[in-house]
Amino acid sequence: MRSRVLLRIPGSNVNLIDQPNQPILTQSCTGEMSPSKGTANIWLHFEGENGNVILTQQKVVVSHHIDYDLILGHDVTGFLLKIAETNDHIYLMQARQTKIFNLLEFLQSH
């Protein structure tokens, strides 16, 4: 997460950034390594088109040297409540079903 984005979150300040014992480096696509500012815990709010809302707390690496405001990795997009993902949508559930036999039918009914 970009540090300026973290600071735009209501109630955030530089005191929320934890300094790890060893510095965390971010690596660009060209291989350039840059030190991060540290880590912070933030709440992510996902709201589905069907109105379902999921809140999840995530630890993020805070850096000045990334091209996007926030990059979500598999730790967020692959969590247990995800039932399907497309290029434009992530389909989440409040509680994990044991088995889904027909995904299209399930999505249309939920």
N, C-alpha and C. Protein backbone atom coordinates (compact mmCIF):
# COMPACT_ATOMS: atom_id res chain seq x y z
N MET A 1 0.85 -1.16 0.00
CA MET A 1 0.00 0.00 0.00
C MET A 1 0.90 1.23 0.00
N ARG A 2 0.52 2.20 -0.79
CA ARG A 2 1.25 3.46 -0.77
C ARG A 2 1.04 4.16 0.57
N SER A 3 2.10 4.77 1.08
CA SER A 3 2.00 5.43 2.39
C SER A 3 1.01 6.58 2.35
N ARG A 4 0.93 7.32 1.25
CA ARG A 4 -0.01 8.45 1.20
C ARG A 4 -1.46 7.97 1.22
N VAL A 5 -1.72 6.76 0.73
CA VAL A 5 -3.07 6.20 0.78
C VAL A 5 -3.41 5.80 2.21
N LEU A 6 -2.47 5.18 2.90
CA LEU A 6 -2.69 4.82 4.29
C LEU A 6 -3.04 6.05 5.11
N LEU A 7 -2.36 7.14 4.87
CA LEU A 7 -2.58 8.35 5.66
C LEU A 7 -3.91 9.04 5.33
N ARG A 8 -4.55 8.65 4.22
CA ARG A 8 -5.87 9.20 3.88
C ARG A 8 -6.99 8.45 4.59
N ILE A 9 -6.71 7.29 5.16
CA ILE A 9 -7.73 6.54 5.88
C ILE A 9 -8.05 7.28 7.17
N PRO A 10 -9.33 7.55 7.45
CA PRO A 10 -9.68 8.28 8.68
C PRO A 10 -9.08 7.62 9.92
N GLY A 11 -8.45 8.43 10.75
CA GLY A 11 -7.85 7.94 11.98
C GLY A 11 -6.43 7.42 11.83
N SER A 12 -5.91 7.40 10.60
CA SER A 12 -4.56 6.89 10.38
C SER A 12 -3.53 7.99 10.59
N ASN A 13 -2.36 7.57 11.01
CA ASN A 13 -1.21 8.47 11.10
C ASN A 13 0.06 7.64 11.04
N VAL A 14 1.19 8.28 10.97
CA VAL A 14 2.45 7.55 10.83
C VAL A 14 2.74 6.68 12.03
N ASN A 15 2.11 6.95 13.18
CA ASN A 15 2.33 6.12 14.36
C ASN A 15 1.74 4.72 14.21
N LEU A 16 0.84 4.52 13.24
CA LEU A 16 0.26 3.20 13.01
C LEU A 16 1.20 2.27 12.25
N ILE A 17 2.26 2.82 11.69
CA ILE A 17 3.20 2.01 10.91
C ILE A 17 4.19 1.35 11.86
N ASP A 18 4.17 0.02 11.87
CA ASP A 18 5.09 -0.76 12.70
C ASP A 18 6.41 -0.95 11.96
N GLN A 19 7.49 -0.85 12.69
CA GLN A 19 8.81 -1.06 12.12
C GLN A 19 9.26 -2.49 12.47
N PRO A 20 9.39 -3.36 11.46
CA PRO A 20 9.84 -4.72 11.75
C PRO A 20 11.31 -4.74 12.17
N ASN A 21 11.73 -5.85 12.80
CA ASN A 21 13.12 -5.99 13.23
C ASN A 21 14.08 -5.91 12.05
N GLN A 22 13.71 -6.54 10.94
CA GLN A 22 14.51 -6.46 9.73
C GLN A 22 13.70 -5.72 8.67
N PRO A 23 14.36 -4.83 7.92
CA PRO A 23 13.62 -4.05 6.92
C PRO A 23 12.97 -4.94 5.86
N ILE A 24 11.79 -4.53 5.42
CA ILE A 24 11.09 -5.22 4.34
C ILE A 24 11.39 -4.47 3.06
N LEU A 25 11.83 -5.19 2.04
CA LEU A 25 12.14 -4.58 0.76
C LEU A 25 11.06 -4.93 -0.24
N THR A 26 10.70 -3.97 -1.10
CA THR A 26 9.79 -4.25 -2.21
C THR A 26 10.61 -4.31 -3.48
N GLN A 27 10.24 -5.21 -4.37
CA GLN A 27 10.98 -5.39 -5.61
C GLN A 27 10.10 -5.04 -6.78
N SER A 28 10.61 -4.18 -7.66
CA SER A 28 9.85 -3.78 -8.85
C SER A 28 9.98 -4.86 -9.93
N CYS A 29 9.23 -4.69 -11.00
CA CYS A 29 9.30 -5.64 -12.12
C CYS A 29 10.69 -5.65 -12.76
N THR A 30 11.41 -4.57 -12.64
CA THR A 30 12.76 -4.50 -13.21
C THR A 30 13.81 -5.06 -12.26
N GLY A 31 13.40 -5.45 -11.05
CA GLY A 31 14.33 -6.02 -10.09
C GLY A 31 14.88 -5.02 -9.08
N GLU A 32 14.51 -3.76 -9.21
CA GLU A 32 14.99 -2.74 -8.28
C GLU A 32 14.39 -2.96 -6.90
N MET A 33 15.25 -2.95 -5.89
CA MET A 33 14.81 -3.16 -4.51
C MET A 33 14.71 -1.82 -3.80
N SER A 34 13.59 -1.62 -3.06
CA SER A 34 13.38 -0.37 -2.32
C SER A 34 12.92 -0.70 -0.92
N PRO A 35 13.41 0.02 0.09
CA PRO A 35 12.97 -0.24 1.46
C PRO A 35 11.53 0.24 1.66
N SER A 36 10.79 -0.49 2.48
CA SER A 36 9.43 -0.07 2.80
C SER A 36 9.47 0.83 4.02
N LYS A 37 8.32 1.44 4.32
CA LYS A 37 8.20 2.27 5.53
C LYS A 37 7.86 1.42 6.75
N GLY A 38 7.39 0.19 6.52
CA GLY A 38 7.00 -0.71 7.60
C GLY A 38 5.71 -1.42 7.26
N THR A 39 4.97 -1.86 8.28
CA THR A 39 3.70 -2.54 8.07
C THR A 39 2.61 -1.86 8.89
N ALA A 40 1.38 -2.08 8.48
CA ALA A 40 0.22 -1.53 9.21
C ALA A 40 -0.94 -2.50 9.06
N ASN A 41 -1.81 -2.53 10.05
CA ASN A 41 -3.04 -3.32 9.98
C ASN A 41 -4.17 -2.41 9.51
N ILE A 42 -4.87 -2.85 8.47
CA ILE A 42 -6.00 -2.08 7.96
C ILE A 42 -7.21 -3.01 7.84
N TRP A 43 -8.39 -2.42 7.80
CA TRP A 43 -9.62 -3.16 7.56
C TRP A 43 -10.01 -2.99 6.12
N LEU A 44 -10.29 -4.09 5.43
CA LEU A 44 -10.79 -4.05 4.06
C LEU A 44 -12.27 -4.38 4.08
N HIS A 45 -13.04 -3.63 3.32
CA HIS A 45 -14.49 -3.75 3.27
C HIS A 45 -14.86 -4.16 1.85
N PHE A 46 -15.44 -5.33 1.71
CA PHE A 46 -15.90 -5.81 0.42
C PHE A 46 -17.41 -5.84 0.44
N GLU A 47 -18.04 -5.22 -0.57
CA GLU A 47 -19.49 -5.24 -0.67
C GLU A 47 -19.87 -5.83 -2.00
N GLY A 48 -20.65 -6.90 -1.95
CA GLY A 48 -21.09 -7.57 -3.17
C GLY A 48 -22.24 -6.86 -3.83
N GLU A 49 -22.43 -7.15 -5.09
CA GLU A 49 -23.55 -6.57 -5.81
C GLU A 49 -24.88 -7.05 -5.23
N ASN A 50 -24.85 -8.15 -4.50
CA ASN A 50 -26.06 -8.66 -3.86
C ASN A 50 -26.27 -8.06 -2.48
N GLY A 51 -25.37 -7.14 -2.05
CA GLY A 51 -25.51 -6.48 -0.77
C GLY A 51 -24.75 -7.13 0.37
N ASN A 52 -24.21 -8.32 0.17
CA ASN A 52 -23.42 -8.96 1.22
C ASN A 52 -22.15 -8.15 1.48
N VAL A 53 -21.79 -8.02 2.76
CA VAL A 53 -20.61 -7.26 3.15
C VAL A 53 -19.69 -8.16 3.96
N ILE A 54 -18.41 -8.10 3.64
CA ILE A 54 -17.41 -8.84 4.41
C ILE A 54 -16.32 -7.86 4.80
N LEU A 55 -15.97 -7.85 6.09
CA LEU A 55 -14.86 -7.05 6.60
C LEU A 55 -13.74 -8.01 6.97
N THR A 56 -12.52 -7.68 6.60
CA THR A 56 -11.38 -8.51 6.95
C THR A 56 -10.20 -7.60 7.28
N GLN A 57 -9.50 -7.94 8.35
CA GLN A 57 -8.32 -7.15 8.72
C GLN A 57 -7.10 -7.78 8.07
N GLN A 58 -6.27 -6.94 7.46
CA GLN A 58 -5.08 -7.41 6.78
C GLN A 58 -3.87 -6.58 7.19
N LYS A 59 -2.73 -7.24 7.27
CA LYS A 59 -1.47 -6.53 7.49
C LYS A 59 -0.92 -6.17 6.11
N VAL A 60 -0.61 -4.90 5.89
CA VAL A 60 -0.08 -4.45 4.61
C VAL A 60 1.34 -3.91 4.79
N VAL A 61 2.11 -4.02 3.73
CA VAL A 61 3.43 -3.40 3.68
C VAL A 61 3.23 -1.99 3.14
N VAL A 62 3.77 -1.00 3.83
CA VAL A 62 3.60 0.40 3.46
C VAL A 62 4.87 0.86 2.75
N SER A 63 4.70 1.45 1.55
CA SER A 63 5.86 1.84 0.75
C SER A 63 5.56 3.08 -0.07
N HIS A 64 6.60 3.85 -0.36
CA HIS A 64 6.50 4.98 -1.29
C HIS A 64 6.73 4.51 -2.73
N HIS A 65 7.25 3.31 -2.89
CA HIS A 65 7.81 2.89 -4.18
C HIS A 65 6.99 1.83 -4.90
N ILE A 66 5.66 1.98 -4.91
CA ILE A 66 4.83 1.07 -5.72
C ILE A 66 3.99 1.91 -6.66
N ASP A 67 3.60 1.31 -7.78
CA ASP A 67 2.87 2.03 -8.81
C ASP A 67 1.37 2.14 -8.54
N TYR A 68 0.84 1.30 -7.68
CA TYR A 68 -0.60 1.30 -7.40
C TYR A 68 -0.84 1.67 -5.95
N ASP A 69 -2.03 2.21 -5.67
CA ASP A 69 -2.36 2.59 -4.30
C ASP A 69 -2.37 1.39 -3.36
N LEU A 70 -2.91 0.26 -3.84
CA LEU A 70 -3.00 -0.94 -3.02
C LEU A 70 -2.94 -2.15 -3.94
N ILE A 71 -2.09 -3.10 -3.61
CA ILE A 71 -1.99 -4.33 -4.38
C ILE A 71 -2.46 -5.46 -3.49
N LEU A 72 -3.53 -6.14 -3.92
CA LEU A 72 -4.06 -7.26 -3.14
C LEU A 72 -3.45 -8.56 -3.66
N GLY A 73 -2.97 -9.37 -2.76
CA GLY A 73 -2.38 -10.65 -3.13
C GLY A 73 -3.30 -11.80 -2.82
N HIS A 74 -2.77 -12.99 -2.98
CA HIS A 74 -3.55 -14.21 -2.78
C HIS A 74 -4.03 -14.35 -1.33
N ASP A 75 -3.32 -13.74 -0.39
CA ASP A 75 -3.78 -13.82 1.00
C ASP A 75 -5.14 -13.16 1.18
N VAL A 76 -5.51 -12.24 0.30
CA VAL A 76 -6.82 -11.59 0.37
C VAL A 76 -7.77 -12.22 -0.64
N THR A 77 -7.35 -12.30 -1.89
CA THR A 77 -8.26 -12.79 -2.93
C THR A 77 -8.44 -14.30 -2.89
N GLY A 78 -7.61 -15.01 -2.16
CA GLY A 78 -7.75 -16.46 -2.08
C GLY A 78 -8.30 -16.96 -0.77
N PHE A 79 -8.87 -16.07 0.03
CA PHE A 79 -9.30 -16.53 1.35
C PHE A 79 -10.53 -17.43 1.27
N LEU A 80 -10.82 -18.08 2.36
CA LEU A 80 -11.79 -19.18 2.39
C LEU A 80 -13.20 -18.82 1.98
N LEU A 81 -13.58 -17.56 2.07
CA LEU A 81 -14.96 -17.19 1.74
C LEU A 81 -15.18 -16.96 0.25
N LYS A 82 -14.12 -17.05 -0.55
CA LYS A 82 -14.26 -16.85 -1.99
C LYS A 82 -14.78 -18.13 -2.63
N ILE A 83 -15.82 -17.99 -3.46
CA ILE A 83 -16.34 -19.16 -4.15
C ILE A 83 -16.02 -19.12 -5.64
N ALA A 84 -15.78 -17.91 -6.19
CA ALA A 84 -15.42 -17.80 -7.60
C ALA A 84 -14.78 -16.43 -7.84
N GLU A 85 -14.01 -16.34 -8.92
CA GLU A 85 -13.35 -15.08 -9.26
C GLU A 85 -13.29 -14.96 -10.78
N THR A 86 -13.57 -13.75 -11.28
CA THR A 86 -13.41 -13.45 -12.69
C THR A 86 -12.45 -12.27 -12.79
N ASN A 87 -12.22 -11.77 -13.99
CA ASN A 87 -11.35 -10.60 -14.14
C ASN A 87 -11.93 -9.36 -13.46
N ASP A 88 -13.25 -9.30 -13.32
CA ASP A 88 -13.90 -8.10 -12.79
C ASP A 88 -14.55 -8.29 -11.42
N HIS A 89 -14.73 -9.51 -10.96
CA HIS A 89 -15.49 -9.75 -9.74
C HIS A 89 -14.86 -10.86 -8.90
N ILE A 90 -15.06 -10.75 -7.60
CA ILE A 90 -14.77 -11.83 -6.67
C ILE A 90 -16.09 -12.15 -5.98
N TYR A 91 -16.49 -13.40 -5.99
CA TYR A 91 -17.75 -13.82 -5.39
C TYR A 91 -17.44 -14.40 -4.00
N LEU A 92 -17.99 -13.75 -2.97
CA LEU A 92 -17.73 -14.12 -1.59
C LEU A 92 -19.00 -14.57 -0.89
N MET A 93 -18.83 -15.36 0.15
CA MET A 93 -19.96 -15.81 0.95
C MET A 93 -19.71 -15.45 2.41
N GLN A 94 -20.76 -15.29 3.18
CA GLN A 94 -20.62 -15.05 4.61
C GLN A 94 -20.13 -16.30 5.33
N ALA A 95 -20.60 -17.47 4.91
CA ALA A 95 -20.18 -18.73 5.50
C ALA A 95 -19.87 -19.71 4.38
N ARG A 96 -18.87 -20.50 4.57
CA ARG A 96 -18.43 -21.43 3.53
C ARG A 96 -19.38 -22.62 3.44
N GLN A 97 -19.88 -22.90 2.24
CA GLN A 97 -20.70 -24.08 2.00
C GLN A 97 -19.78 -25.30 1.90
N THR A 98 -20.32 -26.47 2.21
CA THR A 98 -19.48 -27.66 2.10
C THR A 98 -19.19 -27.99 0.65
N LYS A 99 -20.21 -28.00 -0.21
CA LYS A 99 -19.99 -28.29 -1.63
C LYS A 99 -20.95 -27.49 -2.47
N ILE A 100 -20.45 -27.02 -3.59
CA ILE A 100 -21.30 -26.34 -4.58
C ILE A 100 -21.20 -27.19 -5.85
N PHE A 101 -22.33 -27.72 -6.29
CA PHE A 101 -22.31 -28.62 -7.44
C PHE A 101 -22.53 -27.89 -8.76
N ASN A 102 -23.31 -26.80 -8.73
CA ASN A 102 -23.57 -26.05 -9.95
C ASN A 102 -23.32 -24.57 -9.62
N LEU A 103 -22.16 -24.05 -10.01
CA LEU A 103 -21.78 -22.69 -9.62
C LEU A 103 -22.73 -21.65 -10.19
N LEU A 104 -23.11 -21.78 -11.46
CA LEU A 104 -24.02 -20.79 -12.06
C LEU A 104 -25.36 -20.77 -11.33
N GLU A 105 -25.89 -21.92 -11.04
CA GLU A 105 -27.17 -21.98 -10.31
C GLU A 105 -27.01 -21.37 -8.91
N PHE A 106 -25.91 -21.68 -8.25
CA PHE A 106 -25.68 -21.16 -6.90
C PHE A 106 -25.58 -19.63 -6.93
N LEU A 107 -24.82 -19.07 -7.89
CA LEU A 107 -24.66 -17.61 -7.97
C LEU A 107 -25.98 -16.92 -8.27
N GLN A 108 -26.81 -17.52 -9.12
CA GLN A 108 -28.09 -16.91 -9.45
C GLN A 108 -29.06 -16.96 -8.27
N SER A 109 -28.95 -17.95 -7.42
CA SER A 109 -29.87 -18.08 -6.30
C SER A 109 -29.38 -17.34 -5.05
N HIS A 110 -28.15 -16.88 -5.02
CA HIS A 110 -27.61 -16.17 -3.87
C HIS A 110 -27.26 -14.75 -4.26
